Amino acid sequence: MTESTPGPVEDREIPADAPITLLPVLALLLLGLMWGYNWVVMKAVLVDVSAAWFAALRTVLPALLLIAILPLAGKRFRPPPLFYALPIGLFQTAGFVGFMMWALEAGGGAGETAVIVFTMPLWLTLMAHFALHERITPVQLLAIAVAIPGLVLLISPWETSLALAAVGLALASGIGWALGAIWQKRYYHRYQPDLLNLTAWQMLYGGLLLAGIALWVEPFAFDPTPNFFWALIYNVLLAGALGWLLWVYSLHHLPTWVAGFGVLLVPGIGVLSAWLVLGETPGPVKQVGIGLILSALLIITLYQRRQRHHARRLAAR
């Protein structure tokens, strides 16, 4: 997010056939717009501050703000068990956000990086097969088969202008996100964490790790331009604290499959924003690649909806 973007959380399950009301849908749409446009904001701020330091700032500051909000939101202030939250912070915040920012700094386009990072559900599907013993179904194989050529077309390795480092870092970001989600799913039933509490503390742990890396790499420095302060405010208040509150609200009032559609807005808005604001116009080949990847993510989302609905029907018998 982009804010430590949410993985598959089982915090409070809403039935798949529950009525869908307007206000949570509007919150989800606003969230998709804010997190999607943030790819442009993050790309633009790198002329004023290094990727390492901005990654640290955009995780530590909103984490502290969320922790301060916890009592006001009626949530438990005490952090979740370190064994559970620390690896999530390592992978889903430090890995996801750090590699993402470095990919943008290494020359990755905002829109293309967003799409590559959001291949995360595909890596999650493969990892869950081995780590969680969740069998890969034919529908999931279809999604992977659609996404792989799309990824090749988007990366276009035959182009001499290919930024291999940016591509590798973007893939590492998505894989880190998936690893955090695997850990979260594997131990969720043992700890039963509150989503907002877990989000705040794991983000702080990951952000402190990013701050340590930034200190080790270079002294803290930034160019105090309006662009820098706008990006910081956007990431701390809008995409950060407000974004997570909107996500928790949406997840608690909408079926998970609907929330999944909202997350799919992020790479699409990222591509559109990069085109309109930064002038990043992907060629026809890359456009086909983006379309295939987004189609694969849509297949995964629709499949998850069907599986959840089927599981609830069986449980009701």
Protein backbone atom coordinates (compact mmCIF):
# COMPACT_ATOMS: atom_id res chain seq x y z
CA MET A 1 0.00 0.00 0.00
CA THR A 2 1.30 1.66 -0.72
CA GLU A 3 1.03 1.03 3.02
CA SER A 4 1.65 -2.49 4.13
CA THR A 5 -0.96 -3.90 1.85
CA PRO A 6 -3.33 -6.48 3.41
CA GLY A 7 -2.88 -10.16 2.93
CA PRO A 8 -5.64 -12.74 3.35
CA VAL A 9 -6.87 -12.00 6.85
CA GLU A 10 -9.49 -14.08 8.64
CA ASP A 11 -10.18 -11.51 11.33
CA ARG A 12 -13.95 -11.43 11.04
CA GLU A 13 -15.67 -13.42 8.33
CA ILE A 14 -18.75 -11.96 6.66
CA PRO A 15 -20.94 -14.51 4.83
CA ALA A 16 -20.38 -14.52 1.07
CA ASP A 17 -24.10 -13.97 0.46
CA ALA A 18 -24.42 -11.14 3.02
CA PRO A 19 -26.13 -7.97 1.76
CA ILE A 20 -23.73 -5.41 0.30
CA THR A 21 -24.39 -1.89 1.59
CA LEU A 22 -23.37 1.39 0.00
CA LEU A 23 -21.14 2.99 2.64
CA PRO A 24 -18.59 0.14 2.94
CA VAL A 25 -18.44 -0.10 -0.87
CA LEU A 26 -17.71 3.64 -1.10
CA ALA A 27 -15.01 3.22 1.56
CA LEU A 28 -13.48 0.39 -0.47
CA LEU A 29 -13.54 2.44 -3.68
CA LEU A 30 -11.90 5.38 -1.92
CA LEU A 31 -9.28 3.04 -0.53
CA GLY A 32 -8.51 1.64 -4.00
CA LEU A 33 -8.14 5.15 -5.39
CA MET A 34 -5.86 6.28 -2.55
CA TRP A 35 -3.62 3.22 -2.62
CA GLY A 36 -3.57 3.12 -6.42
CA TYR A 37 -2.61 6.78 -6.84
CA ASN A 38 0.06 6.35 -4.16
CA TRP A 39 2.30 4.62 -6.72
CA VAL A 40 2.61 7.97 -8.50
CA VAL A 41 3.24 9.79 -5.21
CA MET A 42 5.98 7.34 -4.19
CA LYS A 43 7.68 7.48 -7.58
CA ALA A 44 7.67 11.29 -7.62
CA VAL A 45 9.08 11.73 -4.09
CA LEU A 46 12.30 9.85 -4.91
CA VAL A 47 13.82 13.03 -6.35
CA ASP A 48 13.71 14.49 -2.81
CA VAL A 49 14.60 11.54 -0.56
CA SER A 50 16.19 8.11 -0.88
CA ALA A 51 14.05 5.01 -1.21
CA ALA A 52 15.45 3.56 2.03
CA TRP A 53 14.56 6.58 4.14
CA PHE A 54 11.14 7.12 2.60
CA ALA A 55 10.33 3.44 3.10
CA ALA A 56 11.21 3.85 6.79
CA LEU A 57 9.23 7.08 7.21
CA ARG A 58 6.12 5.79 5.46
CA THR A 59 5.92 2.74 7.73
CA VAL A 60 7.13 3.93 11.15
CA LEU A 61 5.06 7.14 11.26
CA PRO A 62 1.67 5.64 10.29
CA ALA A 63 2.38 2.68 12.60
CA LEU A 64 2.86 5.04 15.55
CA LEU A 65 -0.31 6.87 14.57
CA LEU A 66 -2.30 3.64 14.37
CA ILE A 67 -0.96 2.49 17.74
CA ALA A 68 -2.08 5.80 19.25
CA ILE A 69 -5.53 5.33 17.71
CA LEU A 70 -6.02 1.78 19.05
CA PRO A 71 -7.57 2.78 22.43
CA LEU A 72 -9.80 5.35 20.70
CA ALA A 73 -11.04 2.63 18.33
CA GLY A 74 -11.82 0.33 21.25
CA LYS A 75 -8.97 -2.01 20.35
CA ARG A 76 -6.46 -3.66 22.65
CA PHE A 77 -3.25 -1.62 22.99
CA ARG A 78 -1.06 -4.55 24.02
CA PRO A 79 1.00 -5.86 21.08
CA PRO A 80 0.30 -9.35 19.70
CA PRO A 81 2.83 -12.11 20.48
CA LEU A 82 6.23 -11.30 19.02
CA PHE A 83 6.57 -14.77 17.50
CA TYR A 84 3.48 -14.07 15.40
CA ALA A 85 3.84 -10.36 14.57
CA LEU A 86 7.59 -10.01 14.01
CA PRO A 87 7.87 -12.30 10.94
CA ILE A 88 4.83 -10.58 9.43
CA GLY A 89 6.55 -7.23 9.97
CA LEU A 90 9.74 -8.62 8.44
CA PHE A 91 8.12 -9.94 5.27
CA GLN A 92 4.87 -8.00 4.82
CA THR A 93 6.22 -4.57 5.80
CA ALA A 94 10.01 -4.48 5.57
CA GLY A 95 10.24 -6.82 2.58
CA PHE A 96 7.15 -5.65 0.75
CA VAL A 97 7.65 -1.90 1.22
CA GLY A 98 11.45 -1.88 1.10
CA PHE A 99 11.79 -3.86 -2.13
CA MET A 100 8.91 -1.90 -3.66
CA MET A 101 10.56 1.47 -2.99
CA TRP A 102 13.94 0.21 -4.23
CA ALA A 103 12.28 -1.08 -7.40
CA LEU A 104 10.89 2.40 -8.07
CA GLU A 105 14.30 3.94 -7.34
CA ALA A 106 16.03 1.44 -9.64
CA GLY A 107 14.04 2.70 -12.61
CA GLY A 108 10.83 0.75 -12.46
CA GLY A 109 7.79 2.56 -13.81
CA ALA A 110 5.11 3.26 -11.22
CA GLY A 111 2.33 1.43 -13.10
CA GLU A 112 4.40 -1.54 -14.21
CA THR A 113 5.92 -1.97 -10.74
CA ALA A 114 2.43 -1.93 -9.21
CA VAL A 115 1.28 -4.74 -11.50
CA ILE A 116 4.39 -6.87 -10.88
CA VAL A 117 4.12 -6.45 -7.11
CA PHE A 118 0.43 -7.37 -7.23
CA THR A 119 1.21 -10.77 -8.72
CA MET A 120 1.45 -11.66 -5.01
CA PRO A 121 -1.74 -13.84 -4.98
CA LEU A 122 -0.12 -16.12 -7.56
CA TRP A 123 3.00 -16.65 -5.43
CA LEU A 124 0.74 -17.09 -2.41
CA THR A 125 -1.16 -19.86 -4.21
CA LEU A 126 2.07 -21.71 -4.97
CA MET A 127 3.46 -21.23 -1.45
CA ALA A 128 0.22 -22.32 0.20
CA HIS A 129 0.44 -25.61 -1.71
CA PHE A 130 3.72 -26.48 0.03
CA ALA A 131 3.54 -24.56 3.33
CA LEU A 132 -0.15 -24.96 4.16
CA HIS A 133 -0.89 -28.13 2.15
CA GLU A 134 -3.62 -26.34 0.19
CA ARG A 135 -4.07 -28.24 -3.06
CA ILE A 136 -3.72 -26.17 -6.23
CA THR A 137 -6.97 -26.50 -8.16
CA PRO A 138 -7.43 -26.41 -11.94
CA VAL A 139 -8.87 -22.89 -11.69
CA GLN A 140 -5.80 -21.68 -9.82
CA LEU A 141 -3.56 -23.37 -12.38
CA LEU A 142 -5.50 -21.55 -15.09
CA ALA A 143 -4.87 -18.22 -13.34
CA ILE A 144 -1.14 -18.97 -13.10
CA ALA A 145 -1.06 -20.07 -16.75
CA VAL A 146 -2.68 -16.78 -17.76
CA ALA A 147 -0.38 -14.68 -15.56
CA ILE A 148 2.97 -16.14 -16.58
CA PRO A 149 2.86 -15.03 -20.25
CA GLY A 150 1.41 -11.74 -19.06
CA LEU A 151 4.39 -11.24 -16.77
CA VAL A 152 6.79 -12.07 -19.61
CA LEU A 153 5.06 -9.58 -21.92
CA LEU A 154 5.02 -6.90 -19.23
CA ILE A 155 8.71 -7.34 -18.44
CA SER A 156 9.59 -7.71 -22.17
CA PRO A 157 13.07 -9.16 -21.59
CA TRP A 158 13.96 -8.64 -25.27
CA GLU A 159 13.96 -4.87 -24.83
CA THR A 160 17.41 -3.33 -24.38
CA SER A 161 16.00 -0.74 -21.96
CA LEU A 162 14.91 -3.44 -19.49
CA ALA A 163 15.70 -2.51 -15.86
CA LEU A 164 16.44 -6.00 -14.55
CA ALA A 165 17.15 -4.74 -11.04
CA ALA A 166 13.76 -2.98 -10.87
CA VAL A 167 11.94 -6.10 -12.09
CA GLY A 168 13.74 -8.35 -9.61
CA LEU A 169 13.05 -5.98 -6.72
CA ALA A 170 9.36 -5.70 -7.64
CA LEU A 171 9.07 -9.49 -7.73
CA ALA A 172 10.87 -9.69 -4.37
CA SER A 173 8.33 -7.22 -2.97
CA GLY A 174 5.39 -9.38 -4.04
CA ILE A 175 7.08 -12.56 -2.77
CA GLY A 176 7.82 -10.90 0.59
CA TRP A 177 4.17 -9.90 0.86
CA ALA A 178 3.15 -13.51 0.11
CA LEU A 179 5.54 -14.90 2.74
CA GLY A 180 4.02 -12.58 5.34
CA ALA A 181 0.54 -13.74 4.36
CA ILE A 182 1.58 -17.40 4.67
CA TRP A 183 2.86 -16.82 8.20
CA GLN A 184 -0.29 -14.88 9.07
CA LYS A 185 -2.56 -17.66 7.80
CA ARG A 186 -0.53 -20.48 9.34
CA TYR A 187 -0.67 -19.19 12.90
CA TYR A 188 -3.88 -17.15 12.84
CA HIS A 189 -6.02 -19.69 14.68
CA ARG A 190 -3.44 -20.02 17.46
CA TYR A 191 -3.43 -16.30 18.31
CA GLN A 192 -6.76 -14.94 16.94
CA PRO A 193 -5.37 -11.37 16.61
CA ASP A 194 -7.36 -8.22 16.09
CA LEU A 195 -6.64 -6.98 12.56
CA LEU A 196 -6.00 -3.32 13.40
CA ASN A 197 -3.83 -4.16 16.41
CA LEU A 198 -1.78 -6.65 14.38
CA THR A 199 -1.44 -4.22 11.48
CA ALA A 200 -0.15 -1.40 13.68
CA TRP A 201 2.44 -3.44 15.59
CA GLN A 202 3.77 -5.49 12.68
CA MET A 203 4.09 -2.28 10.66
CA LEU A 204 6.12 -0.74 13.49
CA TYR A 205 8.42 -3.77 13.69
CA GLY A 206 8.99 -3.77 9.94
CA GLY A 207 9.38 0.01 9.85
CA LEU A 208 12.04 -0.05 12.59
CA LEU A 209 13.96 -2.65 10.58
CA LEU A 210 13.75 -0.40 7.51
CA ALA A 211 14.94 2.56 9.59
CA GLY A 212 17.92 0.53 10.78
CA ILE A 213 18.79 -0.41 7.19
CA ALA A 214 18.46 3.22 6.10
CA LEU A 215 20.77 4.37 8.92
CA TRP A 216 23.30 1.73 7.94
CA VAL A 217 23.19 2.68 4.24
CA GLU A 218 23.28 6.49 4.45
CA PRO A 219 22.73 9.48 6.75
CA PHE A 220 19.23 10.87 6.94
CA ALA A 221 18.76 13.60 4.36
CA PHE A 222 15.89 14.99 2.32
CA ASP A 223 15.11 17.98 0.15
CA PRO A 224 12.39 19.96 2.00
CA THR A 225 10.23 20.63 -1.06
CA PRO A 226 6.43 20.83 -1.13
CA ASN A 227 6.53 17.55 -3.08
CA PHE A 228 8.33 15.78 -0.21
CA PHE A 229 5.94 17.02 2.47
CA TRP A 230 2.91 16.22 0.30
CA ALA A 231 4.18 12.67 -0.23
CA LEU A 232 4.88 12.24 3.48
CA ILE A 233 1.45 13.53 4.50
CA TYR A 234 -0.22 11.38 1.84
CA ASN A 235 1.56 8.22 3.00
CA VAL A 236 1.26 8.81 6.74
CA LEU A 237 -2.29 10.16 6.97
CA LEU A 238 -4.13 9.15 3.79
CA ALA A 239 -2.63 5.95 2.38
CA GLY A 240 -1.30 5.01 5.83
CA ALA A 241 -3.55 5.55 8.85
CA LEU A 242 -6.79 6.46 7.05
CA GLY A 243 -6.22 3.77 4.42
CA TRP A 244 -5.92 1.05 7.03
CA LEU A 245 -8.97 2.28 8.91
CA LEU A 246 -10.95 2.16 5.65
CA TRP A 247 -9.63 -1.35 4.96
CA VAL A 248 -10.61 -2.64 8.41
CA TYR A 249 -14.04 -0.99 8.10
CA SER A 250 -14.60 -2.52 4.65
CA LEU A 251 -13.43 -5.95 5.72
CA HIS A 252 -15.76 -5.91 8.72
CA HIS A 253 -18.81 -4.90 6.69
CA LEU A 254 -18.32 -6.65 3.34
CA PRO A 255 -17.76 -10.26 2.28
CA THR A 256 -14.06 -11.00 1.83
CA TRP A 257 -14.46 -11.61 -1.89
CA VAL A 258 -15.84 -8.07 -2.33
CA ALA A 259 -12.87 -6.67 -0.41
CA GLY A 260 -10.66 -8.66 -2.77
CA PHE A 261 -12.15 -6.82 -5.73
CA GLY A 262 -11.33 -3.55 -3.99
CA VAL A 263 -7.69 -4.55 -3.67
CA LEU A 264 -7.67 -5.37 -7.40
CA LEU A 265 -8.39 -1.69 -8.04
CA VAL A 266 -4.94 -0.74 -6.75
CA PRO A 267 -2.72 -1.93 -9.64
CA GLY A 268 -5.32 -0.76 -12.18
CA ILE A 269 -5.46 2.73 -10.67
CA GLY A 270 -1.67 2.66 -10.41
CA VAL A 271 -1.29 2.03 -14.15
CA LEU A 272 -3.90 4.66 -15.03
CA SER A 273 -2.40 7.27 -12.68
CA ALA A 274 1.12 6.66 -13.98
CA TRP A 275 -0.15 7.18 -17.52
CA LEU A 276 -2.10 10.37 -16.74
CA VAL A 277 0.34 12.00 -14.28
CA LEU A 278 3.79 10.68 -15.15
CA GLY A 279 3.27 10.06 -18.85
CA GLU A 280 4.14 6.36 -18.51
CA THR A 281 2.47 4.91 -21.58
CA PRO A 282 3.00 1.16 -21.89
CA GLY A 283 3.26 -0.10 -25.45
CA PRO A 284 0.78 -2.57 -26.96
CA VAL A 285 2.80 -5.60 -25.84
CA LYS A 286 3.01 -4.38 -22.24
CA GLN A 287 -0.70 -3.50 -22.30
CA VAL A 288 -1.52 -7.10 -23.22
CA GLY A 289 0.76 -8.27 -20.40
CA ILE A 290 -0.97 -6.00 -17.88
CA GLY A 291 -4.36 -7.20 -19.09
CA LEU A 292 -3.39 -10.87 -18.70
CA ILE A 293 -2.06 -10.34 -15.17
CA LEU A 294 -5.15 -8.41 -14.05
CA SER A 295 -7.32 -11.13 -15.63
CA ALA A 296 -5.44 -13.79 -13.66
CA LEU A 297 -5.98 -11.85 -10.43
CA LEU A 298 -9.68 -11.57 -11.28
CA ILE A 299 -9.89 -15.34 -11.81
CA ILE A 300 -8.28 -15.91 -8.39
CA THR A 301 -10.71 -13.48 -6.71
CA LEU A 302 -13.79 -15.04 -8.31
CA TYR A 303 -12.55 -18.50 -7.39
CA GLN A 304 -12.06 -17.48 -3.75
CA ARG A 305 -15.62 -16.15 -3.70
CA ARG A 306 -16.99 -19.42 -5.01
CA GLN A 307 -14.93 -21.49 -2.55
CA ARG A 308 -16.03 -19.44 0.46
CA HIS A 309 -19.67 -19.60 -0.60
CA HIS A 310 -19.43 -23.37 -1.11
CA ALA A 311 -17.78 -23.86 2.30
CA ARG A 312 -20.54 -21.89 4.04
CA ARG A 313 -23.25 -23.89 2.29
CA LEU A 314 -21.64 -27.14 3.48
CA ALA A 315 -21.30 -25.79 7.03
CA ALA A 316 -24.98 -24.83 7.07
CA ARG A 317 -26.13 -28.37 6.31
